[in-house]
């Protein structure tokens, strides 16, 4: 993905909005007009089946990729090959160069080291175990954006945090096929929580990791957010990924896109009951245990 040069007009817009919103509350009480919503939704699967027998096209793509690995002396696991193939819709001509370029990318082989362990304790991005979307397919991760301050915190480490979770949600063929949904919660979000550079890094990483992000749901945005999204953030997304963004007018609408009983899985940051510290501690303990055995 090419680096984005931010026009002076966009930066001026941010500066003007900082000034005009200096006394504004940035809580989640704002609502957006219809024009501020992106055209995206989460549709249920046709038959509700979680089993996906491979098609002839898929088998052919996987066979060719395995042969390419053999010829190039590339050591890639079957699930790594499947992950790249699935991410690129089993188009061999697209999946082949992507896999050759990235199969050994350190971001795809992260382990829970001390830095990453400390980063998880910041409770910025974490999975929501057990939660699924309305169609019962997609796993969900949560980004509480107001807890990250790019001026004083390491954005690259935050992105390792996110990529680690995406890797964990891509361990099986079924996970790769289903993809994930990301909830970006902008409650208490201010101009101190992002810069053009940190935002570009975030969206670039989100699009380059070979995990299908089926929908990005944004909620609780401050009143100035739609304008910043249109003039800045949206320019960082491919057209396809921009169509997969859903900006909710009201946070209560989130339940329309999640499984029945979703309240039992949503964190205290969203006004529900699950302790995010417990979520993270359990996740980290599980991953440390698994990694110690491999």
C-alpha atoms as a PDB file:
ATOM      1  CA  UNK A   1       0.000   0.000   0.000  1.00  0.00           C
ATOM      2  CA  UNK A   2       1.488   3.333  -1.035  1.00  0.00           C
ATOM      3  CA  UNK A   3       2.248   5.912   1.589  1.00  0.00           C
ATOM      4  CA  UNK A   4      -0.337   8.650   1.691  1.00  0.00           C
ATOM      5  CA  UNK A   5       0.709  12.262   1.373  1.00  0.00           C
ATOM      6  CA  UNK A   6      -1.644  14.285   3.499  1.00  0.00           C
ATOM      7  CA  UNK A   7      -2.764  17.468   1.735  1.00  0.00           C
ATOM      8  CA  UNK A   8      -2.382  20.753   3.543  1.00  0.00           C
ATOM      9  CA  UNK A   9      -6.154  21.163   3.355  1.00  0.00           C
ATOM     10  CA  UNK A  10      -6.708  18.002   5.405  1.00  0.00           C
ATOM     11  CA  UNK A  11      -4.193  19.054   8.036  1.00  0.00           C
ATOM     12  CA  UNK A  12      -5.703  22.536   8.126  1.00  0.00           C
ATOM     13  CA  UNK A  13      -9.118  20.964   8.589  1.00  0.00           C
ATOM     14  CA  UNK A  14      -7.875  19.063  11.630  1.00  0.00           C
ATOM     15  CA  UNK A  15      -6.348  22.212  13.100  1.00  0.00           C
ATOM     16  CA  UNK A  16      -9.527  24.230  12.562  1.00  0.00           C
ATOM     17  CA  UNK A  17     -11.624  21.486  14.104  1.00  0.00           C
ATOM     18  CA  UNK A  18      -9.318  21.278  17.110  1.00  0.00           C
ATOM     19  CA  UNK A  19      -9.953  24.959  17.691  1.00  0.00           C
ATOM     20  CA  UNK A  20     -13.696  24.909  17.023  1.00  0.00           C
ATOM     21  CA  UNK A  21     -14.171  21.822  19.196  1.00  0.00           C
ATOM     22  CA  UNK A  22     -11.859  22.828  22.017  1.00  0.00           C
ATOM     23  CA  UNK A  23     -14.790  23.063  24.402  1.00  0.00           C
ATOM     24  CA  UNK A  24     -16.896  20.266  22.889  1.00  0.00           C
ATOM     25  CA  UNK A  25     -17.567  17.036  24.715  1.00  0.00           C
ATOM     26  CA  UNK A  26     -16.209  14.038  22.867  1.00  0.00           C
ATOM     27  CA  UNK A  27     -18.466  11.456  24.523  1.00  0.00           C
ATOM     28  CA  UNK A  28     -20.629   8.960  22.674  1.00  0.00           C
ATOM     29  CA  UNK A  29     -23.846  10.986  22.727  1.00  0.00           C
ATOM     30  CA  UNK A  30     -23.495  12.342  19.213  1.00  0.00           C
ATOM     31  CA  UNK A  31     -25.495  10.926  16.343  1.00  0.00           C
ATOM     32  CA  UNK A  32     -24.682  11.007  12.632  1.00  0.00           C
ATOM     33  CA  UNK A  33     -26.866  11.906   9.709  1.00  0.00           C
ATOM     34  CA  UNK A  34     -27.611   9.330   7.043  1.00  0.00           C
ATOM     35  CA  UNK A  35     -24.887  10.815   4.831  1.00  0.00           C
ATOM     36  CA  UNK A  36     -22.328  10.052   7.527  1.00  0.00           C
ATOM     37  CA  UNK A  37     -22.978   6.334   7.365  1.00  0.00           C
ATOM     38  CA  UNK A  38     -21.010   4.078   5.068  1.00  0.00           C
ATOM     39  CA  UNK A  39     -22.773   1.565   2.858  1.00  0.00           C
ATOM     40  CA  UNK A  40     -22.006  -1.685   4.663  1.00  0.00           C
ATOM     41  CA  UNK A  41     -23.818  -4.403   6.548  1.00  0.00           C
ATOM     42  CA  UNK A  42     -23.307  -7.857   7.936  1.00  0.00           C
ATOM     43  CA  UNK A  43     -25.467 -10.358   6.056  1.00  0.00           C
ATOM     44  CA  UNK A  44     -26.237 -13.840   7.348  1.00  0.00           C
ATOM     45  CA  UNK A  45     -24.971 -16.814   5.388  1.00  0.00           C
ATOM     46  CA  UNK A  46     -27.441 -18.473   3.041  1.00  0.00           C
ATOM     47  CA  UNK A  47     -27.589 -21.848   4.734  1.00  0.00           C
ATOM     48  CA  UNK A  48     -26.009 -21.149   8.122  1.00  0.00           C
ATOM     49  CA  UNK A  49     -23.445 -23.875   7.493  1.00  0.00           C
ATOM     50  CA  UNK A  50     -19.979 -23.524   9.000  1.00  0.00           C
ATOM     51  CA  UNK A  51     -18.535 -26.288   6.842  1.00  0.00           C
ATOM     52  CA  UNK A  52     -16.973 -25.300   3.555  1.00  0.00           C
ATOM     53  CA  UNK A  53     -16.017 -28.152   1.237  1.00  0.00           C
ATOM     54  CA  UNK A  54     -13.255 -27.045  -1.101  1.00  0.00           C
ATOM     55  CA  UNK A  55     -14.170 -26.210  -4.649  1.00  0.00           C
ATOM     56  CA  UNK A  56     -12.154 -27.289  -7.660  1.00  0.00           C
ATOM     57  CA  UNK A  57     -10.806 -23.739  -7.992  1.00  0.00           C
ATOM     58  CA  UNK A  58      -9.668 -23.754  -4.371  1.00  0.00           C
ATOM     59  CA  UNK A  59      -7.993 -27.147  -4.645  1.00  0.00           C
ATOM     60  CA  UNK A  60      -6.196 -26.064  -7.809  1.00  0.00           C
ATOM     61  CA  UNK A  61      -4.959 -22.834  -6.235  1.00  0.00           C
ATOM     62  CA  UNK A  62      -3.699 -24.639  -3.133  1.00  0.00           C
ATOM     63  CA  UNK A  63      -1.987 -27.310  -5.213  1.00  0.00           C
ATOM     64  CA  UNK A  64      -0.170 -24.692  -7.289  1.00  0.00           C
ATOM     65  CA  UNK A  65       0.896 -22.721  -4.213  1.00  0.00           C
ATOM     66  CA  UNK A  66       2.290 -25.832  -2.543  1.00  0.00           C
ATOM     67  CA  UNK A  67       4.192 -26.648  -5.711  1.00  0.00           C
ATOM     68  CA  UNK A  68       5.587 -23.096  -5.829  1.00  0.00           C
ATOM     69  CA  UNK A  69       6.769 -23.494  -2.246  1.00  0.00           C
ATOM     70  CA  UNK A  70       8.480 -26.758  -3.116  1.00  0.00           C
ATOM     71  CA  UNK A  71      10.221 -25.302  -6.162  1.00  0.00           C
ATOM     72  CA  UNK A  72      11.326 -22.167  -4.307  1.00  0.00           C
ATOM     73  CA  UNK A  73      12.375 -24.143  -1.212  1.00  0.00           C
ATOM     74  CA  UNK A  74       9.910 -22.154   0.893  1.00  0.00           C
ATOM     75  CA  UNK A  75       8.948 -23.665   4.235  1.00  0.00           C
ATOM     76  CA  UNK A  76       5.324 -22.629   4.704  1.00  0.00           C
ATOM     77  CA  UNK A  77       2.745 -24.565   6.706  1.00  0.00           C
ATOM     78  CA  UNK A  78      -0.469 -25.764   5.106  1.00  0.00           C
ATOM     79  CA  UNK A  79      -2.502 -23.235   7.091  1.00  0.00           C
ATOM     80  CA  UNK A  80      -0.199 -20.384   6.025  1.00  0.00           C
ATOM     81  CA  UNK A  81      -0.691 -21.366   2.391  1.00  0.00           C
ATOM     82  CA  UNK A  82      -4.445 -21.628   2.902  1.00  0.00           C
ATOM     83  CA  UNK A  83      -4.518 -18.258   4.691  1.00  0.00           C
ATOM     84  CA  UNK A  84      -2.930 -16.421   1.769  1.00  0.00           C
ATOM     85  CA  UNK A  85      -5.029 -18.291  -0.785  1.00  0.00           C
ATOM     86  CA  UNK A  86      -8.263 -17.556   1.058  1.00  0.00           C
ATOM     87  CA  UNK A  87      -7.374 -13.906   1.668  1.00  0.00           C
ATOM     88  CA  UNK A  88      -6.900 -13.461  -2.082  1.00  0.00           C
ATOM     89  CA  UNK A  89     -10.078 -15.384  -2.975  1.00  0.00           C
ATOM     90  CA  UNK A  90      -8.081 -18.367  -4.242  1.00  0.00           C
ATOM     91  CA  UNK A  91      -6.736 -16.347  -7.153  1.00  0.00           C
ATOM     92  CA  UNK A  92      -3.380 -18.019  -7.724  1.00  0.00           C
ATOM     93  CA  UNK A  93      -1.912 -15.151  -9.748  1.00  0.00           C
ATOM     94  CA  UNK A  94      -2.544 -12.756  -6.850  1.00  0.00           C
ATOM     95  CA  UNK A  95      -1.908 -15.111  -3.940  1.00  0.00           C
ATOM     96  CA  UNK A  96       1.429 -16.392  -5.273  1.00  0.00           C
ATOM     97  CA  UNK A  97       3.430 -13.119  -5.201  1.00  0.00           C
ATOM     98  CA  UNK A  98       1.785 -12.076  -1.937  1.00  0.00           C
ATOM     99  CA  UNK A  99       2.719 -15.318  -0.224  1.00  0.00           C
ATOM    100  CA  UNK A 100       6.282 -15.351  -1.577  1.00  0.00           C
ATOM    101  CA  UNK A 101       6.792 -11.776  -0.380  1.00  0.00           C
ATOM    102  CA  UNK A 102       5.214 -12.150   3.059  1.00  0.00           C
ATOM    103  CA  UNK A 103       5.198 -15.800   4.154  1.00  0.00           C
ATOM    104  CA  UNK A 104       8.199 -15.130   6.397  1.00  0.00           C
ATOM    105  CA  UNK A 105       7.083 -11.677   7.558  1.00  0.00           C
ATOM    106  CA  UNK A 106       7.845 -11.508  11.311  1.00  0.00           C
ATOM    107  CA  UNK A 107       4.386 -10.025  11.907  1.00  0.00           C
ATOM    108  CA  UNK A 108       2.832 -13.347  10.890  1.00  0.00           C
ATOM    109  CA  UNK A 109       4.936 -15.272  13.412  1.00  0.00           C
ATOM    110  CA  UNK A 110       4.581 -13.134  16.529  1.00  0.00           C
ATOM    111  CA  UNK A 111       4.991 -14.578  19.996  1.00  0.00           C
ATOM    112  CA  UNK A 112       3.946 -13.182  23.353  1.00  0.00           C
ATOM    113  CA  UNK A 113       7.221 -11.507  24.317  1.00  0.00           C
ATOM    114  CA  UNK A 114       7.622  -9.070  27.212  1.00  0.00           C
ATOM    115  CA  UNK A 115       6.927  -5.979  25.101  1.00  0.00           C
ATOM    116  CA  UNK A 116       3.747  -7.438  23.694  1.00  0.00           C
ATOM    117  CA  UNK A 117       2.690  -8.640  27.123  1.00  0.00           C
ATOM    118  CA  UNK A 118       3.028  -5.105  28.493  1.00  0.00           C
ATOM    119  CA  UNK A 119       1.160  -3.680  25.509  1.00  0.00           C
ATOM    120  CA  UNK A 120      -1.836  -5.967  26.081  1.00  0.00           C
ATOM    121  CA  UNK A 121      -2.089  -4.608  29.623  1.00  0.00           C
ATOM    122  CA  UNK A 122      -2.912  -1.185  28.154  1.00  0.00           C
ATOM    123  CA  UNK A 123      -6.305  -2.659  27.166  1.00  0.00           C
ATOM    124  CA  UNK A 124      -6.437  -0.887  23.809  1.00  0.00           C
ATOM    125  CA  UNK A 125      -7.070  -3.780  21.378  1.00  0.00           C
ATOM    126  CA  UNK A 126      -8.248  -7.170  22.575  1.00  0.00           C
ATOM    127  CA  UNK A 127     -10.458 -10.074  21.453  1.00  0.00           C
ATOM    128  CA  UNK A 128     -13.992 -10.632  22.725  1.00  0.00           C
ATOM    129  CA  UNK A 129     -14.000 -14.421  23.297  1.00  0.00           C
ATOM    130  CA  UNK A 130     -17.223 -16.246  22.517  1.00  0.00           C
ATOM    131  CA  UNK A 131     -18.794 -13.295  20.728  1.00  0.00           C
ATOM    132  CA  UNK A 132     -19.971 -13.733  17.152  1.00  0.00           C
ATOM    133  CA  UNK A 133     -21.849 -11.618  14.653  1.00  0.00           C
ATOM    134  CA  UNK A 134     -25.552 -12.031  13.891  1.00  0.00           C
ATOM    135  CA  UNK A 135     -24.812 -14.797  11.387  1.00  0.00           C
ATOM    136  CA  UNK A 136     -22.741 -16.656  14.044  1.00  0.00           C
ATOM    137  CA  UNK A 137     -19.690 -16.670  11.752  1.00  0.00           C
ATOM    138  CA  UNK A 138     -17.276 -13.864  12.501  1.00  0.00           C
ATOM    139  CA  UNK A 139     -15.113 -13.542  15.596  1.00  0.00           C
ATOM    140  CA  UNK A 140     -14.857 -10.038  17.026  1.00  0.00           C
ATOM    141  CA  UNK A 141     -11.996  -7.879  18.267  1.00  0.00           C
ATOM    142  CA  UNK A 142     -12.378  -4.568  20.061  1.00  0.00           C
ATOM    143  CA  UNK A 143     -10.354  -1.355  19.745  1.00  0.00           C
ATOM    144  CA  UNK A 144     -10.863   1.240  22.506  1.00  0.00           C
ATOM    145  CA  UNK A 145      -9.110   4.041  20.670  1.00  0.00           C
ATOM    146  CA  UNK A 146      -9.069   6.648  23.446  1.00  0.00           C
ATOM    147  CA  UNK A 147      -6.442   4.634  25.340  1.00  0.00           C
ATOM    148  CA  UNK A 148      -3.761   5.111  22.700  1.00  0.00           C
ATOM    149  CA  UNK A 149      -1.761   8.349  22.582  1.00  0.00           C
ATOM    150  CA  UNK A 150       0.603   8.260  19.584  1.00  0.00           C
ATOM    151  CA  UNK A 151       2.663  11.191  20.865  1.00  0.00           C
ATOM    152  CA  UNK A 152       3.785   9.210  23.913  1.00  0.00           C
ATOM    153  CA  UNK A 153       3.005   5.564  23.070  1.00  0.00           C
ATOM    154  CA  UNK A 154       4.484   3.180  20.508  1.00  0.00           C
ATOM    155  CA  UNK A 155       2.050   2.815  17.601  1.00  0.00           C
ATOM    156  CA  UNK A 156       4.134   0.029  16.056  1.00  0.00           C
ATOM    157  CA  UNK A 157       3.747  -1.976  19.260  1.00  0.00           C
ATOM    158  CA  UNK A 158      -0.003  -1.372  19.190  1.00  0.00           C
ATOM    159  CA  UNK A 159      -0.084  -2.753  15.650  1.00  0.00           C
ATOM    160  CA  UNK A 160       1.844  -5.834  16.786  1.00  0.00           C
ATOM    161  CA  UNK A 161      -0.874  -6.227  19.419  1.00  0.00           C
ATOM    162  CA  UNK A 162      -3.572  -6.079  16.723  1.00  0.00           C
ATOM    163  CA  UNK A 163      -1.716  -8.386  14.336  1.00  0.00           C
ATOM    164  CA  UNK A 164      -1.151 -10.940  17.084  1.00  0.00           C
ATOM    165  CA  UNK A 165      -4.916 -11.165  17.605  1.00  0.00           C
ATOM    166  CA  UNK A 166      -5.612 -11.365  13.871  1.00  0.00           C
ATOM    167  CA  UNK A 167      -3.083 -14.205  13.618  1.00  0.00           C
ATOM    168  CA  UNK A 168      -4.840 -15.998  16.462  1.00  0.00           C
ATOM    169  CA  UNK A 169      -8.131 -15.625  14.586  1.00  0.00           C
ATOM    170  CA  UNK A 170      -6.594 -17.223  11.473  1.00  0.00           C
ATOM    171  CA  UNK A 171      -5.383 -20.552  12.832  1.00  0.00           C
ATOM    172  CA  UNK A 172      -7.887 -22.798  11.043  1.00  0.00           C
ATOM    173  CA  UNK A 173      -9.387 -22.979   7.569  1.00  0.00           C
ATOM    174  CA  UNK A 174     -12.792 -22.113   8.989  1.00  0.00           C
ATOM    175  CA  UNK A 175     -11.438 -18.999  10.704  1.00  0.00           C
ATOM    176  CA  UNK A 176      -9.695 -17.911   7.506  1.00  0.00           C
ATOM    177  CA  UNK A 177     -12.896 -18.308   5.519  1.00  0.00           C
ATOM    178  CA  UNK A 178     -15.121 -16.579   8.051  1.00  0.00           C
ATOM    179  CA  UNK A 179     -12.916 -13.568   8.669  1.00  0.00           C
ATOM    180  CA  UNK A 180     -13.375 -11.191  11.578  1.00  0.00           C
ATOM    181  CA  UNK A 181     -15.231  -8.062  12.576  1.00  0.00           C
ATOM    182  CA  UNK A 182     -13.491  -5.181  14.329  1.00  0.00           C
ATOM    183  CA  UNK A 183     -15.370  -2.818  16.635  1.00  0.00           C
ATOM    184  CA  UNK A 184     -13.687   0.585  16.885  1.00  0.00           C
ATOM    185  CA  UNK A 185     -15.092   2.392  19.914  1.00  0.00           C
ATOM    186  CA  UNK A 186     -14.498   6.159  19.759  1.00  0.00           C
ATOM    187  CA  UNK A 187     -15.994   7.003  23.136  1.00  0.00           C
ATOM    188  CA  UNK A 188     -13.859   9.761  24.743  1.00  0.00           C
ATOM    189  CA  UNK A 189     -11.820   9.953  21.502  1.00  0.00           C
ATOM    190  CA  UNK A 190      -9.993  13.266  20.962  1.00  0.00           C
ATOM    191  CA  UNK A 191      -7.387  14.730  18.631  1.00  0.00           C
ATOM    192  CA  UNK A 192      -4.726  13.524  21.093  1.00  0.00           C
ATOM    193  CA  UNK A 193      -5.596   9.926  20.217  1.00  0.00           C
ATOM    194  CA  UNK A 194      -4.451  10.002  16.599  1.00  0.00           C
ATOM    195  CA  UNK A 195      -2.183  11.654  14.066  1.00  0.00           C
ATOM    196  CA  UNK A 196      -2.281  11.288  10.275  1.00  0.00           C
ATOM    197  CA  UNK A 197       0.865   9.165  10.489  1.00  0.00           C
ATOM    198  CA  UNK A 198      -0.397   6.831  13.228  1.00  0.00           C
ATOM    199  CA  UNK A 199      -3.752   6.466  11.466  1.00  0.00           C
ATOM    200  CA  UNK A 200      -2.046   5.635   8.182  1.00  0.00           C
ATOM    201  CA  UNK A 201       0.034   2.967   9.923  1.00  0.00           C
ATOM    202  CA  UNK A 202      -3.080   1.492  11.505  1.00  0.00           C
ATOM    203  CA  UNK A 203      -5.145   1.222   8.324  1.00  0.00           C
ATOM    204  CA  UNK A 204      -2.150   0.006   6.336  1.00  0.00           C
ATOM    205  CA  UNK A 205      -1.530  -2.808   8.821  1.00  0.00           C
ATOM    206  CA  UNK A 206      -5.204  -3.709   8.964  1.00  0.00           C
ATOM    207  CA  UNK A 207      -5.321  -4.122   5.189  1.00  0.00           C
ATOM    208  CA  UNK A 208      -1.999  -5.929   4.755  1.00  0.00           C
ATOM    209  CA  UNK A 209      -2.387  -8.707   7.310  1.00  0.00           C
ATOM    210  CA  UNK A 210      -3.858 -11.717   5.441  1.00  0.00           C
ATOM    211  CA  UNK A 211      -6.965 -11.916   7.620  1.00  0.00           C
ATOM    212  CA  UNK A 212     -10.293 -10.915   6.122  1.00  0.00           C
ATOM    213  CA  UNK A 213     -11.811  -8.036   8.074  1.00  0.00           C
ATOM    214  CA  UNK A 214     -15.382  -8.468   6.897  1.00  0.00           C
ATOM    215  CA  UNK A 215     -16.685  -5.330   8.588  1.00  0.00           C
ATOM    216  CA  UNK A 216     -15.204  -2.519  10.654  1.00  0.00           C
ATOM    217  CA  UNK A 217     -17.902  -1.109  12.928  1.00  0.00           C
ATOM    218  CA  UNK A 218     -17.276   2.388  14.260  1.00  0.00           C
ATOM    219  CA  UNK A 219     -19.397   3.718  17.105  1.00  0.00           C
ATOM    220  CA  UNK A 220     -19.512   6.502  19.682  1.00  0.00           C
ATOM    221  CA  UNK A 221     -17.717   8.957  17.417  1.00  0.00           C
ATOM    222  CA  UNK A 222     -17.546  12.616  18.462  1.00  0.00           C
ATOM    223  CA  UNK A 223     -19.472  15.158  16.402  1.00  0.00           C
ATOM    224  CA  UNK A 224     -16.447  16.123  14.339  1.00  0.00           C
ATOM    225  CA  UNK A 225     -15.532  12.540  13.416  1.00  0.00           C
ATOM    226  CA  UNK A 226     -17.577  12.135  10.179  1.00  0.00           C
ATOM    227  CA  UNK A 227     -15.763  15.063   8.591  1.00  0.00           C
ATOM    228  CA  UNK A 228     -12.338  13.730   9.595  1.00  0.00           C
ATOM    229  CA  UNK A 229     -13.327  10.281   8.356  1.00  0.00           C
ATOM    230  CA  UNK A 230     -14.343  11.558   4.925  1.00  0.00           C
ATOM    231  CA  UNK A 231     -11.366  13.879   4.463  1.00  0.00           C
ATOM    232  CA  UNK A 232      -8.642  11.777   6.086  1.00  0.00           C
ATOM    233  CA  UNK A 233      -9.317   8.209   7.212  1.00  0.00           C
ATOM    234  CA  UNK A 234     -11.355   7.113   4.191  1.00  0.00           C
ATOM    235  CA  UNK A 235      -8.479   8.090   1.884  1.00  0.00           C
ATOM    236  CA  UNK A 236      -6.317   5.498   3.649  1.00  0.00           C
ATOM    237  CA  UNK A 237      -8.635   2.638   2.679  1.00  0.00           C
ATOM    238  CA  UNK A 238      -9.024   0.807  -0.591  1.00  0.00           C
ATOM    239  CA  UNK A 239     -12.458   1.195  -2.162  1.00  0.00           C
ATOM    240  CA  UNK A 240     -13.332  -2.365  -1.191  1.00  0.00           C
ATOM    241  CA  UNK A 241     -12.327  -1.872   2.434  1.00  0.00           C
ATOM    242  CA  UNK A 242     -14.077   1.495   2.615  1.00  0.00           C
ATOM    243  CA  UNK A 243     -17.299  -0.280   1.645  1.00  0.00           C
ATOM    244  CA  UNK A 244     -16.791  -2.601   4.598  1.00  0.00           C
ATOM    245  CA  UNK A 245     -16.867   0.244   7.129  1.00  0.00           C
ATOM    246  CA  UNK A 246     -20.094   0.758   9.059  1.00  0.00           C
ATOM    247  CA  UNK A 247     -20.533   3.900  11.125  1.00  0.00           C
ATOM    248  CA  UNK A 248     -23.389   3.513  13.591  1.00  0.00           C
ATOM    249  CA  UNK A 249     -25.643   6.444  14.388  1.00  0.00           C
ATOM    250  CA  UNK A 250     -26.290   5.172  17.909  1.00  0.00           C
ATOM    251  CA  UNK A 251     -24.282   2.636  19.947  1.00  0.00           C
ATOM    252  CA  UNK A 252     -27.461   0.659  20.657  1.00  0.00           C
ATOM    253  CA  UNK A 253     -27.519  -0.317  16.971  1.00  0.00           C
ATOM    254  CA  UNK A 254     -24.502  -2.543  17.553  1.00  0.00           C
ATOM    255  CA  UNK A 255     -26.750  -5.303  18.883  1.00  0.00           C
ATOM    256  CA  UNK A 256     -28.453  -5.483  15.469  1.00  0.00           C
ATOM    257  CA  UNK A 257     -25.179  -6.849  14.090  1.00  0.00           C
ATOM    258  CA  UNK A 258     -24.192  -9.214  16.893  1.00  0.00           C
ATOM    259  CA  UNK A 259     -25.454 -12.583  18.101  1.00  0.00           C
ATOM    260  CA  UNK A 260     -28.399 -12.870  20.467  1.00  0.00           C
ATOM    261  CA  UNK A 261     -27.200 -12.524  24.041  1.00  0.00           C
ATOM    262  CA  UNK A 262     -24.171 -10.493  22.967  1.00  0.00           C
ATOM    263  CA  UNK A 263     -24.432  -8.447  26.168  1.00  0.00           C
ATOM    264  CA  UNK A 264     -22.773 -11.308  28.064  1.00  0.00           C
ATOM    265  CA  UNK A 265     -19.611 -10.908  25.987  1.00  0.00           C
ATOM    266  CA  UNK A 266     -19.236  -7.120  25.743  1.00  0.00           C
ATOM    267  CA  UNK A 267     -16.739  -5.302  27.996  1.00  0.00           C
ATOM    268  CA  UNK A 268     -17.236  -2.735  30.731  1.00  0.00           C
ATOM    269  CA  UNK A 269     -15.741  -0.117  28.399  1.00  0.00           C
ATOM    270  CA  UNK A 270     -18.995  -0.319  26.432  1.00  0.00           C
ATOM    271  CA  UNK A 271     -21.194  -0.188  29.520  1.00  0.00           C
ATOM    272  CA  UNK A 272     -21.631  -3.949  29.902  1.00  0.00           C
ATOM    273  CA  UNK A 273     -20.335  -6.450  32.443  1.00  0.00           C
ATOM    274  CA  UNK A 274     -17.272  -8.302  31.214  1.00  0.00           C
ATOM    275  CA  UNK A 275     -14.032  -7.197  32.876  1.00  0.00           C
ATOM    276  CA  UNK A 276     -11.538  -6.442  30.103  1.00  0.00           C
ATOM    277  CA  UNK A 277      -8.630  -7.185  32.450  1.00  0.00           C
ATOM    278  CA  UNK A 278      -9.952 -10.722  32.880  1.00  0.00           C
ATOM    279  CA  UNK A 279     -10.407 -11.108  29.116  1.00  0.00           C
ATOM    280  CA  UNK A 280      -6.819 -10.066  28.486  1.00  0.00           C
ATOM    281  CA  UNK A 281      -5.312 -12.068  31.353  1.00  0.00           C
ATOM    282  CA  UNK A 282      -7.104 -15.235  30.227  1.00  0.00           C
ATOM    283  CA  UNK A 283      -6.079 -14.685  26.606  1.00  0.00           C
ATOM    284  CA  UNK A 284      -2.446 -13.997  27.473  1.00  0.00           C
ATOM    285  CA  UNK A 285      -2.245 -16.986  29.838  1.00  0.00           C
ATOM    286  CA  UNK A 286      -3.689 -19.272  27.160  1.00  0.00           C
ATOM    287  CA  UNK A 287      -1.262 -18.042  24.502  1.00  0.00           C
ATOM    288  CA  UNK A 288       1.757 -18.294  26.814  1.00  0.00           C
ATOM    289  CA  UNK A 289       0.759 -21.861  27.668  1.00  0.00           C
ATOM    290  CA  UNK A 290       0.295 -22.777  24.008  1.00  0.00           C
ATOM    291  CA  UNK A 291       3.573 -21.182  22.964  1.00  0.00           C
ATOM    292  CA  UNK A 292       5.501 -22.913  25.739  1.00  0.00           C
ATOM    293  CA  UNK A 293       4.391 -26.251  24.287  1.00  0.00           C
ATOM    294  CA  UNK A 294       5.547 -25.456  20.751  1.00  0.00           C
END
